[in-house]
């Protein structure tokens, strides 16, 4: 899921948001989010949907199926 972490980081940056903001919105520790974004662990599918909603992007975008 390497592209997932890259896309989330890019979107956060382009929207002027920080990882801590996303972690708080998801109600997870920042270290947990960091593990997901650095491809050390995978978030549950429901959390992935919540990340997409938070960022206003599609799941296909987060998984690299569309630009």
Protein backbone atom coordinates (compact mmCIF):
# COMPACT_ATOMS: atom_id res chain seq x y z
CA UNK A 1 0.00 0.00 0.00
CA UNK A 2 2.96 2.29 -0.48
CA UNK A 3 1.06 4.62 -2.83
CA UNK A 4 -1.60 5.05 -0.14
CA UNK A 5 0.81 6.70 2.30
CA UNK A 6 2.34 8.86 -0.40
CA UNK A 7 -1.05 10.08 -1.59
CA UNK A 8 -2.29 10.84 1.92
CA UNK A 9 0.87 12.81 2.73
CA UNK A 10 0.60 14.75 -0.56
CA UNK A 11 -3.04 15.60 0.07
CA UNK A 12 -2.38 16.71 3.63
CA UNK A 13 0.39 18.99 2.42
CA UNK A 14 -1.61 20.43 -0.49
CA UNK A 15 -4.54 21.15 1.84
CA UNK A 16 -2.33 22.73 4.50
CA UNK A 17 -3.21 20.07 7.04
CA UNK A 18 -0.89 18.12 9.30
CA UNK A 19 -0.73 14.46 10.23
CA UNK A 20 -1.71 15.34 13.79
CA UNK A 21 -4.94 16.91 12.45
CA UNK A 22 -5.81 13.70 10.63
CA UNK A 23 -4.89 11.55 13.63
CA UNK A 24 -7.18 13.60 15.84
CA UNK A 25 -10.01 13.43 13.30
CA UNK A 26 -9.63 9.63 13.19
CA UNK A 27 -9.22 9.42 16.96
CA UNK A 28 -5.94 7.49 16.68
CA UNK A 29 -2.45 8.14 17.97
CA UNK A 30 -0.14 10.03 15.67
CA UNK A 31 2.30 7.10 15.88
CA UNK A 32 -0.40 4.75 14.61
CA UNK A 33 -1.12 7.03 11.67
CA UNK A 34 2.60 7.27 10.96
CA UNK A 35 2.84 3.47 10.80
CA UNK A 36 0.06 3.42 8.21
CA UNK A 37 1.53 6.20 6.11
CA UNK A 38 5.02 4.69 6.16
CA UNK A 39 3.77 1.25 5.10
CA UNK A 40 4.58 -0.47 8.40
CA UNK A 41 0.99 -1.45 9.08
CA UNK A 42 -2.39 -1.24 7.31
CA UNK A 43 -5.41 0.64 8.60
CA UNK A 44 -8.83 -1.02 8.67
CA UNK A 45 -10.95 -0.44 5.57
CA UNK A 46 -13.42 1.71 7.50
CA UNK A 47 -10.53 3.98 8.53
CA UNK A 48 -9.33 4.21 4.93
CA UNK A 49 -12.83 5.38 3.96
CA UNK A 50 -12.72 7.95 6.75
CA UNK A 51 -9.34 9.21 5.53
CA UNK A 52 -10.72 9.59 2.00
CA UNK A 53 -13.72 11.50 3.35
CA UNK A 54 -11.51 13.73 5.51
CA UNK A 55 -9.34 14.59 2.53
CA UNK A 56 -12.25 14.85 0.08
CA UNK A 57 -10.76 12.31 -2.32
CA UNK A 58 -11.85 8.94 -3.67
CA UNK A 59 -10.60 5.55 -2.54
CA UNK A 60 -9.41 4.96 -6.11
CA UNK A 61 -7.24 8.05 -5.84
CA UNK A 62 -5.72 6.92 -2.53
CA UNK A 63 -4.88 3.52 -4.01
CA UNK A 64 -3.37 4.98 -7.18
CA UNK A 65 -6.10 3.83 -9.55
CA UNK A 66 -6.84 7.39 -10.68
CA UNK A 67 -5.03 10.72 -10.63
